[in-house]
PDB file of N, CA and C in Angstrom:
ATOM      1  N   UNK A   1      85.781  96.773 107.408  1.00  0.00           N
ATOM      2  CA  UNK A   1      86.725  95.664 106.769  1.00  0.00           C
ATOM      3  C   UNK A   1      86.211  94.500 108.081  1.00  0.00           C
ATOM      4  N   UNK A   2      86.216  95.199 109.420  1.00  0.00           N
ATOM      5  CA  UNK A   2      85.958  93.581 110.349  1.00  0.00           C
ATOM      6  C   UNK A   2      84.393  93.506 110.489  1.00  0.00           C
ATOM      7  N   UNK A   3      83.404  94.090 110.062  1.00  0.00           N
ATOM      8  CA  UNK A   3      82.290  94.170 110.281  1.00  0.00           C
ATOM      9  C   UNK A   3      82.054  93.187 108.754  1.00  0.00           C
ATOM     10  N   UNK A   4      82.742  93.412 107.673  1.00  0.00           N
ATOM     11  CA  UNK A   4      82.723  92.193 106.560  1.00  0.00           C
ATOM     12  C   UNK A   4      83.086  90.764 106.991  1.00  0.00           C
ATOM     13  N   UNK A   5      84.153  90.866 107.535  1.00  0.00           N
ATOM     14  CA  UNK A   5      85.012  89.813 108.343  1.00  0.00           C
ATOM     15  C   UNK A   5      84.450  89.091 109.358  1.00  0.00           C
ATOM     16  N   UNK A   6      83.205  89.799 110.115  1.00  0.00           N
ATOM     17  CA  UNK A   6      82.490  89.095 110.988  1.00  0.00           C
ATOM     18  C   UNK A   6      81.447  88.549 110.251  1.00  0.00           C
ATOM     19  N   UNK A   7      80.865  89.225 109.425  1.00  0.00           N
ATOM     20  CA  UNK A   7      79.407  88.376 108.512  1.00  0.00           C
ATOM     21  C   UNK A   7      79.985  87.417 107.931  1.00  0.00           C
ATOM     22  N   UNK A   8      81.194  87.435 107.329  1.00  0.00           N
ATOM     23  CA  UNK A   8      81.853  86.193 106.579  1.00  0.00           C
ATOM     24  C   UNK A   8      81.959  85.061 107.220  1.00  0.00           C
ATOM     25  N   UNK A   9      81.932  85.170 108.746  1.00  0.00           N
ATOM     26  CA  UNK A   9      82.345  83.796 109.217  1.00  0.00           C
ATOM     27  C   UNK A   9      81.571  82.691 108.828  1.00  0.00           C
ATOM     28  N   UNK A  10      80.591  82.542 108.815  1.00  0.00           N
ATOM     29  CA  UNK A  10      79.783  81.231 108.554  1.00  0.00           C
ATOM     30  C   UNK A  10      79.458  80.951 106.808  1.00  0.00           C
ATOM     31  N   UNK A  11      80.018  81.826 106.539  1.00  0.00           N
ATOM     32  CA  UNK A  11      79.678  81.825 104.834  1.00  0.00           C
ATOM     33  C   UNK A  11      81.241  81.710 104.339  1.00  0.00           C
ATOM     34  N   UNK A  12      81.028  80.244 103.288  1.00  0.00           N
ATOM     35  CA  UNK A  12      82.379  80.503 102.810  1.00  0.00           C
ATOM     36  C   UNK A  12      82.415  81.176 101.446  1.00  0.00           C
ATOM     37  N   UNK A  13      81.755  81.705 100.793  1.00  0.00           N
ATOM     38  CA  UNK A  13      81.580  82.015  99.564  1.00  0.00           C
ATOM     39  C   UNK A  13      81.917  83.880 100.063  1.00  0.00           C
ATOM     40  N   UNK A  14      81.233  84.011 101.075  1.00  0.00           N
ATOM     41  CA  UNK A  14      81.727  85.671 101.250  1.00  0.00           C
ATOM     42  C   UNK A  14      83.168  85.553 102.094  1.00  0.00           C
ATOM     43  N   UNK A  15      83.585  84.691 102.511  1.00  0.00           N
ATOM     44  CA  UNK A  15      85.008  84.869 103.124  1.00  0.00           C
ATOM     45  C   UNK A  15      85.582  84.731 102.032  1.00  0.00           C
ATOM     46  N   UNK A  16      85.393  83.984 101.100  1.00  0.00           N
ATOM     47  CA  UNK A  16      86.582  84.104  99.864  1.00  0.00           C
ATOM     48  C   UNK A  16      86.476  85.415  99.139  1.00  0.00           C
ATOM     49  N   UNK A  17      85.197  85.713  99.040  1.00  0.00           N
ATOM     50  CA  UNK A  17      85.008  87.428  98.329  1.00  0.00           C
ATOM     51  C   UNK A  17      85.614  88.228  98.999  1.00  0.00           C
ATOM     52  N   UNK A  18      85.721  88.154 100.454  1.00  0.00           N
ATOM     53  CA  UNK A  18      86.656  89.182 101.133  1.00  0.00           C
ATOM     54  C   UNK A  18      88.136  89.103 101.289  1.00  0.00           C
ATOM     55  N   UNK A  19      88.285  87.752 100.879  1.00  0.00           N
ATOM     56  CA  UNK A  19      90.085  87.665 101.094  1.00  0.00           C
ATOM     57  C   UNK A  19      90.528  87.944  99.390  1.00  0.00           C
ATOM     58  N   UNK A  20      89.665  87.879  98.664  1.00  0.00           N
ATOM     59  CA  UNK A  20      90.214  88.110  97.250  1.00  0.00           C
ATOM     60  C   UNK A  20      90.247  89.758  97.482  1.00  0.00           C
ATOM     61  N   UNK A  21      89.231  90.536  97.846  1.00  0.00           N
ATOM     62  CA  UNK A  21      89.423  92.055  97.842  1.00  0.00           C
ATOM     63  C   UNK A  21      90.209  92.520  98.488  1.00  0.00           C
ATOM     64  N   UNK A  22      90.766  92.062  99.641  1.00  0.00           N
ATOM     65  CA  UNK A  22      91.826  92.249 100.742  1.00  0.00           C
ATOM     66  C   UNK A  22      93.022  91.699  99.633  1.00  0.00           C
ATOM     67  N   UNK A  23      93.453  90.885  98.895  1.00  0.00           N
ATOM     68  CA  UNK A  23      94.521  90.452  98.387  1.00  0.00           C
ATOM     69  C   UNK A  23      94.845  91.415  97.274  1.00  0.00           C
ATOM     70  N   UNK A  24      93.722  91.627  96.339  1.00  0.00           N
ATOM     71  CA  UNK A  24      93.688  92.905  95.465  1.00  0.00           C
ATOM     72  C   UNK A  24      93.867  94.335  95.954  1.00  0.00           C
ATOM     73  N   UNK A  25      93.532  94.674  97.523  1.00  0.00           N
ATOM     74  CA  UNK A  25      94.072  95.836  98.007  1.00  0.00           C
ATOM     75  C   UNK A  25      95.340  95.838  98.115  1.00  0.00           C
ATOM     76  N   UNK A  26      95.853  94.697  98.609  1.00  0.00           N
ATOM     77  CA  UNK A  26      97.542  94.195  98.905  1.00  0.00           C
ATOM     78  C   UNK A  26      97.912  94.583  97.431  1.00  0.00           C
ATOM     79  N   UNK A  27      97.866  94.178  96.821  1.00  0.00           N
ATOM     80  CA  UNK A  27      98.655  94.099  95.766  1.00  0.00           C
ATOM     81  C   UNK A  27      98.737  95.278  94.622  1.00  0.00           C
ATOM     82  N   UNK A  28      97.954  96.325  94.772  1.00  0.00           N
ATOM     83  CA  UNK A  28      97.174  97.482  94.454  1.00  0.00           C
ATOM     84  C   UNK A  28      98.623  98.557  95.429  1.00  0.00           C
ATOM     85  N   UNK A  29      98.464  98.100  96.806  1.00  0.00           N
ATOM     86  CA  UNK A  29      98.997  98.757  97.771  1.00  0.00           C
ATOM     87  C   UNK A  29     100.980  98.454  97.284  1.00  0.00           C
ATOM     88  N   UNK A  30     101.313  97.358  96.922  1.00  0.00           N
ATOM     89  CA  UNK A  30     102.351  97.070  96.818  1.00  0.00           C
ATOM     90  C   UNK A  30     102.911  97.578  95.013  1.00  0.00           C
ATOM     91  N   UNK A  31     101.850  98.247  94.393  1.00  0.00           N
ATOM     92  CA  UNK A  31     102.002  99.137  92.922  1.00  0.00           C
ATOM     93  C   UNK A  31     102.761 100.413  93.506  1.00  0.00           C
ATOM     94  N   UNK A  32     102.110 100.655  94.332  1.00  0.00           N
ATOM     95  CA  UNK A  32     102.053 102.310  94.775  1.00  0.00           C
ATOM     96  C   UNK A  32     103.414 102.256  95.697  1.00  0.00           C
ATOM     97  N   UNK A  33     103.641 101.490  96.759  1.00  0.00           N
ATOM     98  CA  UNK A  33     105.008 101.403  97.300  1.00  0.00           C
ATOM     99  C   UNK A  33     106.312 101.054  96.397  1.00  0.00           C
ATOM    100  N   UNK A  34     106.031 100.391  95.475  1.00  0.00           N
ATOM    101  CA  UNK A  34     107.132 100.066  94.885  1.00  0.00           C
ATOM    102  C   UNK A  34     107.595 101.336  93.848  1.00  0.00           C
ATOM    103  N   UNK A  35     106.662 102.430  93.851  1.00  0.00           N
ATOM    104  CA  UNK A  35     107.076 103.548  93.048  1.00  0.00           C
ATOM    105  C   UNK A  35     107.256 104.606  94.004  1.00  0.00           C
ATOM    106  N   UNK A  36     106.794 104.691  95.239  1.00  0.00           N
ATOM    107  CA  UNK A  36     107.233 105.344  96.414  1.00  0.00           C
ATOM    108  C   UNK A  36     108.707 105.374  97.151  1.00  0.00           C
ATOM    109  N   UNK A  37     108.989 106.824  97.569  1.00  0.00           N
ATOM    110  CA  UNK A  37     110.274 106.689  97.858  1.00  0.00           C
ATOM    111  C   UNK A  37     110.641 105.833  99.254  1.00  0.00           C
ATOM    112  N   UNK A  38     111.564 105.365  99.174  1.00  0.00           N
ATOM    113  CA  UNK A  38     111.717 104.205 100.323  1.00  0.00           C
ATOM    114  C   UNK A  38     111.555 104.748 101.635  1.00  0.00           C
ATOM    115  N   UNK A  39     110.504 104.413 102.489  1.00  0.00           N
ATOM    116  CA  UNK A  39     110.514 104.847 103.922  1.00  0.00           C
ATOM    117  C   UNK A  39     111.505 104.136 104.956  1.00  0.00           C
ATOM    118  N   UNK A  40     110.773 104.139 106.320  1.00  0.00           N
ATOM    119  CA  UNK A  40     111.683 103.407 107.416  1.00  0.00           C
ATOM    120  C   UNK A  40     110.917 101.774 107.245  1.00  0.00           C
ATOM    121  N   UNK A  41     110.011 101.623 106.629  1.00  0.00           N
ATOM    122  CA  UNK A  41     109.366  99.926 106.838  1.00  0.00           C
ATOM    123  C   UNK A  41     110.497  99.334 106.022  1.00  0.00           C
ATOM    124  N   UNK A  42     110.508  98.078 107.107  1.00  0.00           N
ATOM    125  CA  UNK A  42     111.854  96.772 106.208  1.00  0.00           C
ATOM    126  C   UNK A  42     111.305  96.536 105.030  1.00  0.00           C
ATOM    127  N   UNK A  43     111.948  95.574 104.118  1.00  0.00           N
ATOM    128  CA  UNK A  43     111.743  94.569 103.159  1.00  0.00           C
ATOM    129  C   UNK A  43     111.291  95.113 101.537  1.00  0.00           C
ATOM    130  N   UNK A  44     110.993  94.558 100.968  1.00  0.00           N
ATOM    131  CA  UNK A  44     110.482  95.152  99.507  1.00  0.00           C
ATOM    132  C   UNK A  44     109.256  95.492  99.588  1.00  0.00           C
ATOM    133  N   UNK A  45     108.681  95.814  98.403  1.00  0.00           N
ATOM    134  CA  UNK A  45     107.233  96.535  98.199  1.00  0.00           C
ATOM    135  C   UNK A  45     106.166  95.337  98.835  1.00  0.00           C
ATOM    136  N   UNK A  46     106.438  93.689  98.959  1.00  0.00           N
ATOM    137  CA  UNK A  46     105.322  93.216  99.025  1.00  0.00           C
ATOM    138  C   UNK A  46     105.215  92.906 100.446  1.00  0.00           C
ATOM    139  N   UNK A  47     106.319  93.299 101.033  1.00  0.00           N
ATOM    140  CA  UNK A  47     106.545  93.016 102.620  1.00  0.00           C
ATOM    141  C   UNK A  47     105.898  94.135 103.230  1.00  0.00           C
ATOM    142  N   UNK A  48     106.389  95.615 102.233  1.00  0.00           N
ATOM    143  CA  UNK A  48     105.559  96.763 103.011  1.00  0.00           C
ATOM    144  C   UNK A  48     104.167  96.844 102.912  1.00  0.00           C
ATOM    145  N   UNK A  49     103.998  96.254 101.698  1.00  0.00           N
ATOM    146  CA  UNK A  49     102.424  96.295 101.468  1.00  0.00           C
ATOM    147  C   UNK A  49     101.824  95.335 102.489  1.00  0.00           C
ATOM    148  N   UNK A  50     102.002  94.199 103.240  1.00  0.00           N
ATOM    149  CA  UNK A  50     101.431  93.582 104.139  1.00  0.00           C
ATOM    150  C   UNK A  50     101.684  94.429 105.226  1.00  0.00           C
ATOM    151  N   UNK A  51     102.502  95.418 105.730  1.00  0.00           N
ATOM    152  CA  UNK A  51     102.770  95.677 106.893  1.00  0.00           C
ATOM    153  C   UNK A  51     101.918  96.966 106.760  1.00  0.00           C
ATOM    154  N   UNK A  52     101.769  97.762 105.811  1.00  0.00           N
ATOM    155  CA  UNK A  52     100.609  98.736 105.556  1.00  0.00           C
ATOM    156  C   UNK A  52      99.172  98.231 105.675  1.00  0.00           C
ATOM    157  N   UNK A  53      98.598  97.301 105.189  1.00  0.00           N
ATOM    158  CA  UNK A  53      97.234  96.835 104.915  1.00  0.00           C
ATOM    159  C   UNK A  53      97.281  96.348 106.257  1.00  0.00           C
ATOM    160  N   UNK A  54      97.985  96.286 107.354  1.00  0.00           N
ATOM    161  CA  UNK A  54      98.035  95.540 108.389  1.00  0.00           C
ATOM    162  C   UNK A  54      97.639  96.435 109.379  1.00  0.00           C
ATOM    163  N   UNK A  55      98.505  97.610 109.328  1.00  0.00           N
ATOM    164  CA  UNK A  55      98.369  99.071 110.076  1.00  0.00           C
ATOM    165  C   UNK A  55      96.887  99.688 109.407  1.00  0.00           C
ATOM    166  N   UNK A  56      96.783  99.423 108.207  1.00  0.00           N
ATOM    167  CA  UNK A  56      95.192 100.301 107.788  1.00  0.00           C
ATOM    168  C   UNK A  56      93.945  99.357 108.733  1.00  0.00           C
ATOM    169  N   UNK A  57      94.154  98.160 108.837  1.00  0.00           N
ATOM    170  CA  UNK A  57      93.153  97.296 109.563  1.00  0.00           C
ATOM    171  C   UNK A  57      93.093  97.523 111.015  1.00  0.00           C
ATOM    172  N   UNK A  58      94.459  97.901 111.474  1.00  0.00           N
ATOM    173  CA  UNK A  58      94.466  98.102 112.950  1.00  0.00           C
ATOM    174  C   UNK A  58      94.067  99.501 113.465  1.00  0.00           C
ATOM    175  N   UNK A  59      94.524 100.505 112.513  1.00  0.00           N
ATOM    176  CA  UNK A  59      93.749 102.097 112.705  1.00  0.00           C
ATOM    177  C   UNK A  59      92.324 102.195 112.879  1.00  0.00           C
ATOM    178  N   UNK A  60      91.575 101.092 111.804  1.00  0.00           N
ATOM    179  CA  UNK A  60      90.024 100.960 111.873  1.00  0.00           C
ATOM    180  C   UNK A  60      89.453 100.830 112.775  1.00  0.00           C
ATOM    181  N   UNK A  61      90.201 100.168 114.005  1.00  0.00           N
ATOM    182  CA  UNK A  61      89.982  99.805 115.219  1.00  0.00           C
ATOM    183  C   UNK A  61      90.128 100.728 116.371  1.00  0.00           C
ATOM    184  N   UNK A  62      90.680 101.766 115.853  1.00  0.00           N
ATOM    185  CA  UNK A  62      91.111 102.753 117.143  1.00  0.00           C
ATOM    186  C   UNK A  62      90.140 103.870 117.107  1.00  0.00           C
ATOM    187  N   UNK A  63      90.109 104.312 118.431  1.00  0.00           N
ATOM    188  CA  UNK A  63      89.288 105.487 118.534  1.00  0.00           C
ATOM    189  C   UNK A  63      89.139 106.655 116.964  1.00  0.00           C
ATOM    190  N   UNK A  64      88.340 107.184 117.283  1.00  0.00           N
ATOM    191  CA  UNK A  64      88.290 107.879 115.833  1.00  0.00           C
ATOM    192  C   UNK A  64      89.280 109.321 116.094  1.00  0.00           C
ATOM    193  N   UNK A  65      89.741 109.966 117.424  1.00  0.00           N
ATOM    194  CA  UNK A  65      90.663 110.843 118.027  1.00  0.00           C
ATOM    195  C   UNK A  65      92.096 110.554 117.398  1.00  0.00           C
ATOM    196  N   UNK A  66      91.972 109.213 117.382  1.00  0.00           N
ATOM    197  CA  UNK A  66      93.490 108.669 117.169  1.00  0.00           C
ATOM    198  C   UNK A  66      94.093 108.426 115.670  1.00  0.00           C
ATOM    199  N   UNK A  67      92.989 108.525 114.964  1.00  0.00           N
ATOM    200  CA  UNK A  67      93.041 108.092 113.508  1.00  0.00           C
ATOM    201  C   UNK A  67      94.020 108.735 112.454  1.00  0.00           C
ATOM    202  N   UNK A  68      93.782 110.299 112.581  1.00  0.00           N
ATOM    203  CA  UNK A  68      94.756 111.222 112.186  1.00  0.00           C
ATOM    204  C   UNK A  68      96.255 110.954 112.630  1.00  0.00           C
ATOM    205  N   UNK A  69      96.472 111.198 113.762  1.00  0.00           N
ATOM    206  CA  UNK A  69      98.243 110.845 114.142  1.00  0.00           C
ATOM    207  C   UNK A  69      98.202 109.298 113.866  1.00  0.00           C
ATOM    208  N   UNK A  70      97.750 108.463 113.648  1.00  0.00           N
ATOM    209  CA  UNK A  70      98.009 106.724 113.174  1.00  0.00           C
ATOM    210  C   UNK A  70      98.239 106.915 111.809  1.00  0.00           C
ATOM    211  N   UNK A  71      97.673 107.982 110.953  1.00  0.00           N
ATOM    212  CA  UNK A  71      98.015 108.001 109.613  1.00  0.00           C
ATOM    213  C   UNK A  71      98.826 108.696 109.221  1.00  0.00           C
ATOM    214  N   UNK A  72      99.128 109.743 110.023  1.00  0.00           N
ATOM    215  CA  UNK A  72     100.533 110.446 109.654  1.00  0.00           C
ATOM    216  C   UNK A  72     101.960 109.548 110.280  1.00  0.00           C
ATOM    217  N   UNK A  73     101.861 108.878 110.675  1.00  0.00           N
ATOM    218  CA  UNK A  73     102.830 107.746 111.095  1.00  0.00           C
ATOM    219  C   UNK A  73     102.789 106.940 110.339  1.00  0.00           C
ATOM    220  N   UNK A  74     101.826 106.459 109.727  1.00  0.00           N
ATOM    221  CA  UNK A  74     101.725 105.234 109.051  1.00  0.00           C
ATOM    222  C   UNK A  74     102.563 105.940 107.506  1.00  0.00           C
ATOM    223  N   UNK A  75     102.319 107.075 107.003  1.00  0.00           N
ATOM    224  CA  UNK A  75     102.686 107.692 105.845  1.00  0.00           C
ATOM    225  C   UNK A  75     104.051 108.254 105.659  1.00  0.00           C
ATOM    226  N   UNK A  76     104.278 108.321 107.215  1.00  0.00           N
ATOM    227  CA  UNK A  76     106.029 108.631 107.151  1.00  0.00           C
ATOM    228  C   UNK A  76     106.412 107.624 107.500  1.00  0.00           C
ATOM    229  N   UNK A  77     106.481 106.388 107.924  1.00  0.00           N
ATOM    230  CA  UNK A  77     107.214 105.376 107.946  1.00  0.00           C
ATOM    231  C   UNK A  77     106.983 104.529 106.695  1.00  0.00           C
ATOM    232  N   UNK A  78     106.259 104.791 105.530  1.00  0.00           N
ATOM    233  CA  UNK A  78     105.977 104.261 104.166  1.00  0.00           C
ATOM    234  C   UNK A  78     106.491 105.079 103.405  1.00  0.00           C
ATOM    235  N   UNK A  79     107.015 106.053 103.515  1.00  0.00           N
ATOM    236  CA  UNK A  79     107.936 107.061 102.696  1.00  0.00           C
ATOM    237  C   UNK A  79     106.796 107.773 101.811  1.00  0.00           C
ATOM    238  N   UNK A  80     105.238 108.412 102.206  1.00  0.00           N
ATOM    239  CA  UNK A  80     104.351 108.249 101.200  1.00  0.00           C
ATOM    240  C   UNK A  80     103.786 110.034 101.874  1.00  0.00           C
ATOM    241  N   UNK A  81     104.571 110.274 103.049  1.00  0.00           N
ATOM    242  CA  UNK A  81     103.819 111.174 103.793  1.00  0.00           C
ATOM    243  C   UNK A  81     104.176 112.611 102.742  1.00  0.00           C
ATOM    244  N   UNK A  82     103.302 113.623 102.674  1.00  0.00           N
ATOM    245  CA  UNK A  82     103.353 114.767 101.823  1.00  0.00           C
ATOM    246  C   UNK A  82     104.386 115.686 102.389  1.00  0.00           C
ATOM    247  N   UNK A  83     105.414 116.510 101.640  1.00  0.00           N
ATOM    248  CA  UNK A  83     106.120 117.511 101.992  1.00  0.00           C
ATOM    249  C   UNK A  83     105.052 118.572 102.622  1.00  0.00           C
ATOM    250  N   UNK A  84     105.991 119.077 103.690  1.00  0.00           N
ATOM    251  CA  UNK A  84     105.554 120.283 104.542  1.00  0.00           C
ATOM    252  C   UNK A  84     106.068 121.698 104.240  1.00  0.00           C
TER     253      UNK A  84
END
């Protein structure tokens, strides 16, 4: 996502396409979170979808070794963690 954003900086059409794709992803997350058990994240499904999307974008910038731990924490906070 970061690379796509960097490539779109001078191209309004590409920036709009990226924003459209990002919003579609957020809306899909909202639908999933509306059906998932409530986790520790605050707010309704819309707010939580923004938080999860932002966390996913941040995980993409983390070192590869840290991604699994970050993902487990995100799944736990969002109420979507698999039962052990």
